[in-house]
Amino acid sequence: MKRLSLPLPTLVLCIFCGLSSLYLFAEKADKNPKIPYTLGKASHDGIGKFYMGREISKVMGHLGAGWLERPERVQQERTDLLIENLDLRPTDKVVDLGAGSGYFTFRIAPLVPEGKVYAVDISPKMLAIIRAKMKKNEYENIEPILSTVTDLKLKRNLADCVLIVDAYHEFSHPKEMGQAIYKTLKPGGKLVLIEYRMEDPGVPIKKLHKMSEKQSIKEISATGLQWVKTSEVLPQQHFIVFQKP
């Protein structure tokens, strides 16, 4: 294979053109509401893509499954209170969006015996972990769903509740996913967004993996969902509820 060798002035010009294109895109996005994202220099934990002024963080891969399932998580995050405050009915259809290893999926399933839990994730390896657990425990009301970064792969007006725990900040296409969530929810259905509190410097989580209440409400409200309440029942995270009109 031949290596392409360019004179220094030409190489500098190519780099300049590439950067110019990047900033041109960002400038157009700022002026054109149809382009919701801007591009910029990526921080250590970010992808260099911004939505409504917030840099989107990198995604936790399947290697983080052990951290999601850590025994001390119940006490650190009071996941028991989180589930209790979902106020689920036995017949509810629940979407665990960004289900990961299924930590919440398998805790919610017994609460909706006449309903269903859709464990939705973009990672086939995470869904493989969920399927292995399903075989071991013989759950019949859990359905793993391989989504894309813009499409839940679920029917319209299907869900009574969509739960997102510490995952929304990683969505590479939050506007499109927000629109997909809106379509999937039934009228009157709710989205429960759980994110580490940006406002609290004592929460030991990296900055891009936190979100403020104000930012969360601004982004989700843009989908057409209506903010209902924010509860601080959890020690480290916002518990924010939205509803489809």
C-alpha atoms as a PDB file:
ATOM      1  CA  MET A   1       0.000   0.000   0.000  1.00  0.00           C
ATOM      2  CA  LYS A   2       1.373   3.396  -0.997  1.00  0.00           C
ATOM      3  CA  ARG A   3       1.502   6.101   1.628  1.00  0.00           C
ATOM      4  CA  LEU A   4       0.162   9.466   0.564  1.00  0.00           C
ATOM      5  CA  SER A   5       2.763  12.157   1.078  1.00  0.00           C
ATOM      6  CA  LEU A   6       1.606  15.760   0.948  1.00  0.00           C
ATOM      7  CA  PRO A   7       3.694  18.915   0.991  1.00  0.00           C
ATOM      8  CA  LEU A   8       3.460  20.723   4.337  1.00  0.00           C
ATOM      9  CA  PRO A   9       1.464  23.713   2.976  1.00  0.00           C
ATOM     10  CA  THR A  10      -1.085  21.335   1.420  1.00  0.00           C
ATOM     11  CA  LEU A  11      -1.343  19.305   4.628  1.00  0.00           C
ATOM     12  CA  VAL A  12      -1.939  22.449   6.676  1.00  0.00           C
ATOM     13  CA  LEU A  13      -4.603  23.538   4.197  1.00  0.00           C
ATOM     14  CA  CYS A  14      -6.382  20.170   4.514  1.00  0.00           C
ATOM     15  CA  ILE A  15      -6.398  20.411   8.290  1.00  0.00           C
ATOM     16  CA  PHE A  16      -7.649  23.984   8.123  1.00  0.00           C
ATOM     17  CA  CYS A  17     -10.439  22.973   5.740  1.00  0.00           C
ATOM     18  CA  GLY A  18     -11.477  20.165   8.087  1.00  0.00           C
ATOM     19  CA  LEU A  19     -11.625  22.494  11.073  1.00  0.00           C
ATOM     20  CA  SER A  20     -13.444  25.094   9.009  1.00  0.00           C
ATOM     21  CA  SER A  21     -16.099  22.517   8.120  1.00  0.00           C
ATOM     22  CA  LEU A  22     -16.462  21.601  11.794  1.00  0.00           C
ATOM     23  CA  TYR A  23     -17.005  25.187  12.905  1.00  0.00           C
ATOM     24  CA  LEU A  24     -19.231  25.911   9.906  1.00  0.00           C
ATOM     25  CA  PHE A  25     -21.483  23.041  10.978  1.00  0.00           C
ATOM     26  CA  ALA A  26     -21.548  24.364  14.537  1.00  0.00           C
ATOM     27  CA  GLU A  27     -22.339  27.889  13.355  1.00  0.00           C
ATOM     28  CA  LYS A  28     -25.158  26.652  11.116  1.00  0.00           C
ATOM     29  CA  ALA A  29     -26.554  24.549  13.959  1.00  0.00           C
ATOM     30  CA  ASP A  30     -26.643  27.563  16.249  1.00  0.00           C
ATOM     31  CA  LYS A  31     -28.624  29.547  13.679  1.00  0.00           C
ATOM     32  CA  ASN A  32     -30.826  26.739  12.361  1.00  0.00           C
ATOM     33  CA  PRO A  33     -33.260  25.134  14.860  1.00  0.00           C
ATOM     34  CA  LYS A  34     -33.613  22.133  12.538  1.00  0.00           C
ATOM     35  CA  ILE A  35     -30.006  21.194  13.345  1.00  0.00           C
ATOM     36  CA  PRO A  36     -30.218  20.471  17.094  1.00  0.00           C
ATOM     37  CA  TYR A  37     -26.569  19.652  17.720  1.00  0.00           C
ATOM     38  CA  THR A  38     -23.296  21.556  17.717  1.00  0.00           C
ATOM     39  CA  LEU A  39     -19.786  20.149  17.499  1.00  0.00           C
ATOM     40  CA  GLY A  40     -16.744  21.225  19.462  1.00  0.00           C
ATOM     41  CA  LYS A  41     -13.653  20.019  21.220  1.00  0.00           C
ATOM     42  CA  ALA A  42     -14.336  16.842  23.181  1.00  0.00           C
ATOM     43  CA  SER A  43     -13.590  16.828  26.884  1.00  0.00           C
ATOM     44  CA  HIS A  44     -12.058  13.779  28.557  1.00  0.00           C
ATOM     45  CA  ASP A  45     -15.392  12.040  29.145  1.00  0.00           C
ATOM     46  CA  GLY A  46     -17.343  13.586  26.282  1.00  0.00           C
ATOM     47  CA  ILE A  47     -17.847  13.018  22.565  1.00  0.00           C
ATOM     48  CA  GLY A  48     -17.549  16.628  21.410  1.00  0.00           C
ATOM     49  CA  LYS A  49     -21.229  16.790  20.495  1.00  0.00           C
ATOM     50  CA  PHE A  50     -23.473  19.267  22.290  1.00  0.00           C
ATOM     51  CA  TYR A  51     -27.245  19.451  22.770  1.00  0.00           C
ATOM     52  CA  MET A  52     -28.833  22.566  24.239  1.00  0.00           C
ATOM     53  CA  GLY A  53     -25.454  23.576  25.629  1.00  0.00           C
ATOM     54  CA  ARG A  54     -24.693  20.193  27.240  1.00  0.00           C
ATOM     55  CA  GLU A  55     -21.864  17.976  26.053  1.00  0.00           C
ATOM     56  CA  ILE A  56     -22.964  14.371  25.574  1.00  0.00           C
ATOM     57  CA  SER A  57     -20.874  11.883  27.534  1.00  0.00           C
ATOM     58  CA  LYS A  58     -19.237   8.692  26.387  1.00  0.00           C
ATOM     59  CA  VAL A  59     -21.225   5.473  26.756  1.00  0.00           C
ATOM     60  CA  MET A  60     -20.567   2.883  29.445  1.00  0.00           C
ATOM     61  CA  GLY A  61     -20.016  -0.446  27.694  1.00  0.00           C
ATOM     62  CA  HIS A  62     -20.816  -3.981  28.820  1.00  0.00           C
ATOM     63  CA  LEU A  63     -17.617  -4.026  30.882  1.00  0.00           C
ATOM     64  CA  GLY A  64     -19.425  -1.740  33.322  1.00  0.00           C
ATOM     65  CA  ALA A  65     -22.029  -4.399  34.139  1.00  0.00           C
ATOM     66  CA  GLY A  66     -20.232  -5.313  37.358  1.00  0.00           C
ATOM     67  CA  TRP A  67     -20.460  -1.730  38.613  1.00  0.00           C
ATOM     68  CA  LEU A  68     -24.198  -1.643  37.843  1.00  0.00           C
ATOM     69  CA  GLU A  69     -24.738  -4.814  39.863  1.00  0.00           C
ATOM     70  CA  ARG A  70     -22.549  -3.873  42.862  1.00  0.00           C
ATOM     71  CA  PRO A  71     -24.137  -4.987  46.186  1.00  0.00           C
ATOM     72  CA  GLU A  72     -23.681  -1.589  47.827  1.00  0.00           C
ATOM     73  CA  ARG A  73     -25.761   0.126  45.156  1.00  0.00           C
ATOM     74  CA  VAL A  74     -28.949  -0.292  47.168  1.00  0.00           C
ATOM     75  CA  GLN A  75     -27.572   1.733  50.062  1.00  0.00           C
ATOM     76  CA  GLN A  76     -25.632   4.252  47.976  1.00  0.00           C
ATOM     77  CA  GLU A  77     -28.507   5.101  45.634  1.00  0.00           C
ATOM     78  CA  ARG A  78     -31.522   3.714  47.536  1.00  0.00           C
ATOM     79  CA  THR A  79     -32.690   1.831  44.489  1.00  0.00           C
ATOM     80  CA  ASP A  80     -35.426   0.337  46.675  1.00  0.00           C
ATOM     81  CA  LEU A  81     -36.938   3.816  47.144  1.00  0.00           C
ATOM     82  CA  LEU A  82     -36.586   4.491  43.421  1.00  0.00           C
ATOM     83  CA  ILE A  83     -38.669   1.450  42.525  1.00  0.00           C
ATOM     84  CA  GLU A  84     -41.190   2.126  45.270  1.00  0.00           C
ATOM     85  CA  ASN A  85     -41.776   5.666  44.017  1.00  0.00           C
ATOM     86  CA  LEU A  86     -42.534   4.502  40.468  1.00  0.00           C
ATOM     87  CA  ASP A  87     -46.054   3.687  41.730  1.00  0.00           C
ATOM     88  CA  LEU A  88     -46.500   0.862  39.259  1.00  0.00           C
ATOM     89  CA  ARG A  89     -49.724  -1.074  38.747  1.00  0.00           C
ATOM     90  CA  PRO A  90     -49.798  -4.868  38.186  1.00  0.00           C
ATOM     91  CA  THR A  91     -50.937  -4.383  34.577  1.00  0.00           C
ATOM     92  CA  ASP A  92     -48.413  -1.715  33.589  1.00  0.00           C
ATOM     93  CA  LYS A  93     -46.149  -2.001  30.579  1.00  0.00           C
ATOM     94  CA  VAL A  94     -42.771  -0.556  31.518  1.00  0.00           C
ATOM     95  CA  VAL A  95     -39.824   0.340  29.296  1.00  0.00           C
ATOM     96  CA  ASP A  96     -36.463   0.092  31.048  1.00  0.00           C
ATOM     97  CA  LEU A  97     -34.550   2.283  28.594  1.00  0.00           C
ATOM     98  CA  GLY A  98     -30.799   1.810  28.729  1.00  0.00           C
ATOM     99  CA  ALA A  99     -31.456  -1.366  30.683  1.00  0.00           C
ATOM    100  CA  GLY A 100     -27.802  -2.392  30.805  1.00  0.00           C
ATOM    101  CA  SER A 101     -27.416  -5.607  32.760  1.00  0.00           C
ATOM    102  CA  GLY A 102     -31.083  -5.557  33.776  1.00  0.00           C
ATOM    103  CA  TYR A 103     -30.644  -4.333  37.346  1.00  0.00           C
ATOM    104  CA  PHE A 104     -34.026  -2.583  37.356  1.00  0.00           C
ATOM    105  CA  THR A 105     -35.677  -4.847  34.806  1.00  0.00           C
ATOM    106  CA  PHE A 106     -35.581  -7.841  37.145  1.00  0.00           C
ATOM    107  CA  ARG A 107     -36.700  -5.823  40.156  1.00  0.00           C
ATOM    108  CA  ILE A 108     -39.660  -4.325  38.305  1.00  0.00           C
ATOM    109  CA  ALA A 109     -40.897  -7.535  36.633  1.00  0.00           C
ATOM    110  CA  PRO A 110     -42.463  -9.020  39.825  1.00  0.00           C
ATOM    111  CA  LEU A 111     -44.383  -5.765  40.356  1.00  0.00           C
ATOM    112  CA  VAL A 112     -46.159  -5.988  36.995  1.00  0.00           C
ATOM    113  CA  PRO A 113     -47.215  -9.674  36.843  1.00  0.00           C
ATOM    114  CA  GLU A 114     -50.039  -8.908  34.416  1.00  0.00           C
ATOM    115  CA  GLY A 115     -47.977  -6.390  32.472  1.00  0.00           C
ATOM    116  CA  LYS A 116     -44.569  -6.456  30.863  1.00  0.00           C
ATOM    117  CA  VAL A 117     -41.078  -5.009  31.082  1.00  0.00           C
ATOM    118  CA  TYR A 118     -39.267  -4.116  27.871  1.00  0.00           C
ATOM    119  CA  ALA A 119     -35.526  -4.147  28.515  1.00  0.00           C
ATOM    120  CA  VAL A 120     -34.257  -1.777  25.829  1.00  0.00           C
ATOM    121  CA  ASP A 121     -30.573  -1.244  25.078  1.00  0.00           C
ATOM    122  CA  ILE A 122     -28.283  -0.545  22.109  1.00  0.00           C
ATOM    123  CA  SER A 123     -25.723  -3.118  23.315  1.00  0.00           C
ATOM    124  CA  PRO A 124     -26.200  -6.738  22.176  1.00  0.00           C
ATOM    125  CA  LYS A 125     -23.755  -7.809  24.910  1.00  0.00           C
ATOM    126  CA  MET A 126     -25.835  -6.173  27.633  1.00  0.00           C
ATOM    127  CA  LEU A 127     -28.972  -7.835  26.273  1.00  0.00           C
ATOM    128  CA  ALA A 128     -27.146 -11.169  26.249  1.00  0.00           C
ATOM    129  CA  ILE A 129     -26.570 -10.741  29.996  1.00  0.00           C
ATOM    130  CA  ILE A 130     -30.293 -10.099  30.457  1.00  0.00           C
ATOM    131  CA  ARG A 131     -31.271 -13.147  28.404  1.00  0.00           C
ATOM    132  CA  ALA A 132     -28.936 -15.346  30.468  1.00  0.00           C
ATOM    133  CA  LYS A 133     -30.608 -14.109  33.650  1.00  0.00           C
ATOM    134  CA  MET A 134     -34.035 -14.750  32.157  1.00  0.00           C
ATOM    135  CA  LYS A 135     -33.185 -18.391  31.493  1.00  0.00           C
ATOM    136  CA  LYS A 136     -31.846 -18.802  35.005  1.00  0.00           C
ATOM    137  CA  ASN A 137     -34.879 -17.250  36.717  1.00  0.00           C
ATOM    138  CA  GLU A 138     -37.574 -18.131  34.141  1.00  0.00           C
ATOM    139  CA  TYR A 139     -39.152 -14.710  33.857  1.00  0.00           C
ATOM    140  CA  GLU A 140     -41.990 -14.628  31.341  1.00  0.00           C
ATOM    141  CA  ASN A 141     -42.921 -10.931  31.378  1.00  0.00           C
ATOM    142  CA  ILE A 142     -39.565  -9.532  30.246  1.00  0.00           C
ATOM    143  CA  GLU A 143     -38.762  -8.824  26.605  1.00  0.00           C
ATOM    144  CA  PRO A 144     -35.248  -7.712  25.590  1.00  0.00           C
ATOM    145  CA  ILE A 145     -35.279  -5.159  22.767  1.00  0.00           C
ATOM    146  CA  LEU A 146     -32.258  -4.142  20.692  1.00  0.00           C
ATOM    147  CA  SER A 147     -32.786  -0.481  19.871  1.00  0.00           C
ATOM    148  CA  THR A 148     -30.829   1.969  17.760  1.00  0.00           C
ATOM    149  CA  VAL A 149     -29.561   5.368  18.903  1.00  0.00           C
ATOM    150  CA  THR A 150     -32.683   7.000  17.437  1.00  0.00           C
ATOM    151  CA  ASP A 151     -35.416   4.335  17.584  1.00  0.00           C
ATOM    152  CA  LEU A 152     -36.752   2.308  20.525  1.00  0.00           C
ATOM    153  CA  LYS A 153     -38.111  -0.350  18.168  1.00  0.00           C
ATOM    154  CA  LEU A 154     -41.393  -0.358  20.063  1.00  0.00           C
ATOM    155  CA  LYS A 155     -44.990   0.288  19.006  1.00  0.00           C
ATOM    156  CA  ARG A 156     -46.734   3.630  19.380  1.00  0.00           C
ATOM    157  CA  ASN A 157     -48.825   4.236  22.507  1.00  0.00           C
ATOM    158  CA  LEU A 158     -47.491   1.056  24.104  1.00  0.00           C
ATOM    159  CA  ALA A 159     -46.009   2.011  27.450  1.00  0.00           C
ATOM    160  CA  ASP A 160     -47.472   3.212  30.716  1.00  0.00           C
ATOM    161  CA  CYS A 161     -44.032   4.118  32.022  1.00  0.00           C
ATOM    162  CA  VAL A 162     -40.569   4.688  30.571  1.00  0.00           C
ATOM    163  CA  LEU A 163     -37.729   4.564  33.100  1.00  0.00           C
ATOM    164  CA  ILE A 164     -34.267   5.941  32.337  1.00  0.00           C
ATOM    165  CA  VAL A 165     -31.698   5.511  35.106  1.00  0.00           C
ATOM    166  CA  ASP A 166     -28.334   7.257  34.699  1.00  0.00           C
ATOM    167  CA  ALA A 167     -28.360   6.731  30.938  1.00  0.00           C
ATOM    168  CA  TYR A 168     -29.995   9.724  29.239  1.00  0.00           C
ATOM    169  CA  HIS A 169     -26.800  11.813  29.463  1.00  0.00           C
ATOM    170  CA  GLU A 170     -25.109   9.200  27.219  1.00  0.00           C
ATOM    171  CA  PHE A 171     -27.698   9.272  24.426  1.00  0.00           C
ATOM    172  CA  SER A 172     -25.884  10.350  21.266  1.00  0.00           C
ATOM    173  CA  HIS A 173     -29.184  11.549  19.748  1.00  0.00           C
ATOM    174  CA  PRO A 174     -31.255  12.852  22.677  1.00  0.00           C
ATOM    175  CA  LYS A 175     -33.704  14.793  20.510  1.00  0.00           C
ATOM    176  CA  GLU A 176     -34.567  11.764  18.358  1.00  0.00           C
ATOM    177  CA  MET A 177     -34.753   9.449  21.368  1.00  0.00           C
ATOM    178  CA  GLY A 178     -36.979  11.942  23.142  1.00  0.00           C
ATOM    179  CA  GLN A 179     -39.327  11.910  20.163  1.00  0.00           C
ATOM    180  CA  ALA A 180     -39.278   8.104  20.152  1.00  0.00           C
ATOM    181  CA  ILE A 181     -40.130   8.024  23.862  1.00  0.00           C
ATOM    182  CA  TYR A 182     -43.060  10.376  23.265  1.00  0.00           C
ATOM    183  CA  LYS A 183     -44.427   8.103  20.528  1.00  0.00           C
ATOM    184  CA  THR A 184     -44.038   4.953  22.634  1.00  0.00           C
ATOM    185  CA  LEU A 185     -45.825   6.341  25.689  1.00  0.00           C
ATOM    186  CA  LYS A 186     -49.587   6.069  25.980  1.00  0.00           C
ATOM    187  CA  PRO A 187     -51.494   9.327  26.466  1.00  0.00           C
ATOM    188  CA  GLY A 188     -51.159   9.957  30.178  1.00  0.00           C
ATOM    189  CA  GLY A 189     -48.094   7.716  30.355  1.00  0.00           C
ATOM    190  CA  LYS A 190     -45.056   8.900  32.281  1.00  0.00           C
ATOM    191  CA  LEU A 191     -41.331   9.180  31.803  1.00  0.00           C
ATOM    192  CA  VAL A 192     -39.258   8.879  34.963  1.00  0.00           C
ATOM    193  CA  LEU A 193     -35.798  10.343  34.479  1.00  0.00           C
ATOM    194  CA  ILE A 194     -33.121   9.519  37.038  1.00  0.00           C
ATOM    195  CA  GLU A 195     -29.838  11.426  36.824  1.00  0.00           C
ATOM    196  CA  TYR A 196     -27.089  12.225  39.312  1.00  0.00           C
ATOM    197  CA  ARG A 197     -27.510  15.763  40.634  1.00  0.00           C
ATOM    198  CA  MET A 198     -25.220  18.240  38.890  1.00  0.00           C
ATOM    199  CA  GLU A 199     -26.076  20.807  41.568  1.00  0.00           C
ATOM    200  CA  ASP A 200     -24.482  18.695  44.314  1.00  0.00           C
ATOM    201  CA  PRO A 201     -20.656  18.743  44.259  1.00  0.00           C
ATOM    202  CA  GLY A 202     -20.705  16.041  46.918  1.00  0.00           C
ATOM    203  CA  VAL A 203     -22.041  13.431  44.490  1.00  0.00           C
ATOM    204  CA  PRO A 204     -18.906  11.426  43.557  1.00  0.00           C
ATOM    205  CA  ILE A 205     -19.650  11.122  39.829  1.00  0.00           C
ATOM    206  CA  LYS A 206     -17.819  12.675  36.873  1.00  0.00           C
ATOM    207  CA  LYS A 207     -19.317  15.966  35.666  1.00  0.00           C
ATOM    208  CA  LEU A 208     -20.617  14.768  32.288  1.00  0.00           C
ATOM    209  CA  HIS A 209     -22.398  11.877  33.991  1.00  0.00           C
ATOM    210  CA  LYS A 210     -24.536  14.298  36.002  1.00  0.00           C
ATOM    211  CA  MET A 211     -27.420  16.536  34.925  1.00  0.00           C
ATOM    212  CA  SER A 212     -29.069  19.519  36.562  1.00  0.00           C
ATOM    213  CA  GLU A 213     -32.807  19.625  37.101  1.00  0.00           C
ATOM    214  CA  LYS A 214     -33.040  22.738  34.900  1.00  0.00           C
ATOM    215  CA  GLN A 215     -31.187  21.123  31.989  1.00  0.00           C
ATOM    216  CA  SER A 216     -33.185  17.912  32.287  1.00  0.00           C
ATOM    217  CA  ILE A 217     -36.509  19.722  32.195  1.00  0.00           C
ATOM    218  CA  LYS A 218     -35.403  21.909  29.280  1.00  0.00           C
ATOM    219  CA  GLU A 219     -34.380  18.956  27.126  1.00  0.00           C
ATOM    220  CA  ILE A 220     -37.289  16.642  27.893  1.00  0.00           C
ATOM    221  CA  SER A 221     -39.900  19.393  27.621  1.00  0.00           C
ATOM    222  CA  ALA A 222     -38.725  19.972  24.044  1.00  0.00           C
ATOM    223  CA  THR A 223     -40.197  16.564  23.142  1.00  0.00           C
ATOM    224  CA  GLY A 224     -43.713  17.623  24.095  1.00  0.00           C
ATOM    225  CA  LEU A 225     -43.730  15.760  27.407  1.00  0.00           C
ATOM    226  CA  GLN A 226     -44.843  17.874  30.362  1.00  0.00           C
ATOM    227  CA  TRP A 227     -42.889  18.179  33.584  1.00  0.00           C
ATOM    228  CA  VAL A 228     -44.967  16.943  36.540  1.00  0.00           C
ATOM    229  CA  LYS A 229     -42.626  16.984  39.532  1.00  0.00           C
ATOM    230  CA  THR A 230     -39.087  16.602  40.780  1.00  0.00           C
ATOM    231  CA  SER A 231     -38.547  14.545  43.903  1.00  0.00           C
ATOM    232  CA  GLU A 232     -35.359  14.485  45.940  1.00  0.00           C
ATOM    233  CA  VAL A 233     -36.274  11.215  47.626  1.00  0.00           C
ATOM    234  CA  LEU A 234     -32.964   9.681  46.475  1.00  0.00           C
ATOM    235  CA  PRO A 235     -29.647  10.546  48.154  1.00  0.00           C
ATOM    236  CA  GLN A 236     -27.650  11.286  44.977  1.00  0.00           C
ATOM    237  CA  GLN A 237     -30.049  11.548  42.037  1.00  0.00           C
ATOM    238  CA  HIS A 238     -32.907  13.649  40.749  1.00  0.00           C
ATOM    239  CA  PHE A 239     -36.189  11.756  40.383  1.00  0.00           C
ATOM    240  CA  ILE A 240     -37.969  13.723  37.652  1.00  0.00           C
ATOM    241  CA  VAL A 241     -41.400  12.791  36.326  1.00  0.00           C
ATOM    242  CA  PHE A 242     -42.822  13.856  32.958  1.00  0.00           C
ATOM    243  CA  GLN A 243     -46.164  12.966  31.397  1.00  0.00           C
ATOM    244  CA  LYS A 244     -47.521  12.642  27.893  1.00  0.00           C
ATOM    245  CA  PRO A 245     -50.616  14.837  27.473  1.00  0.00           C
END
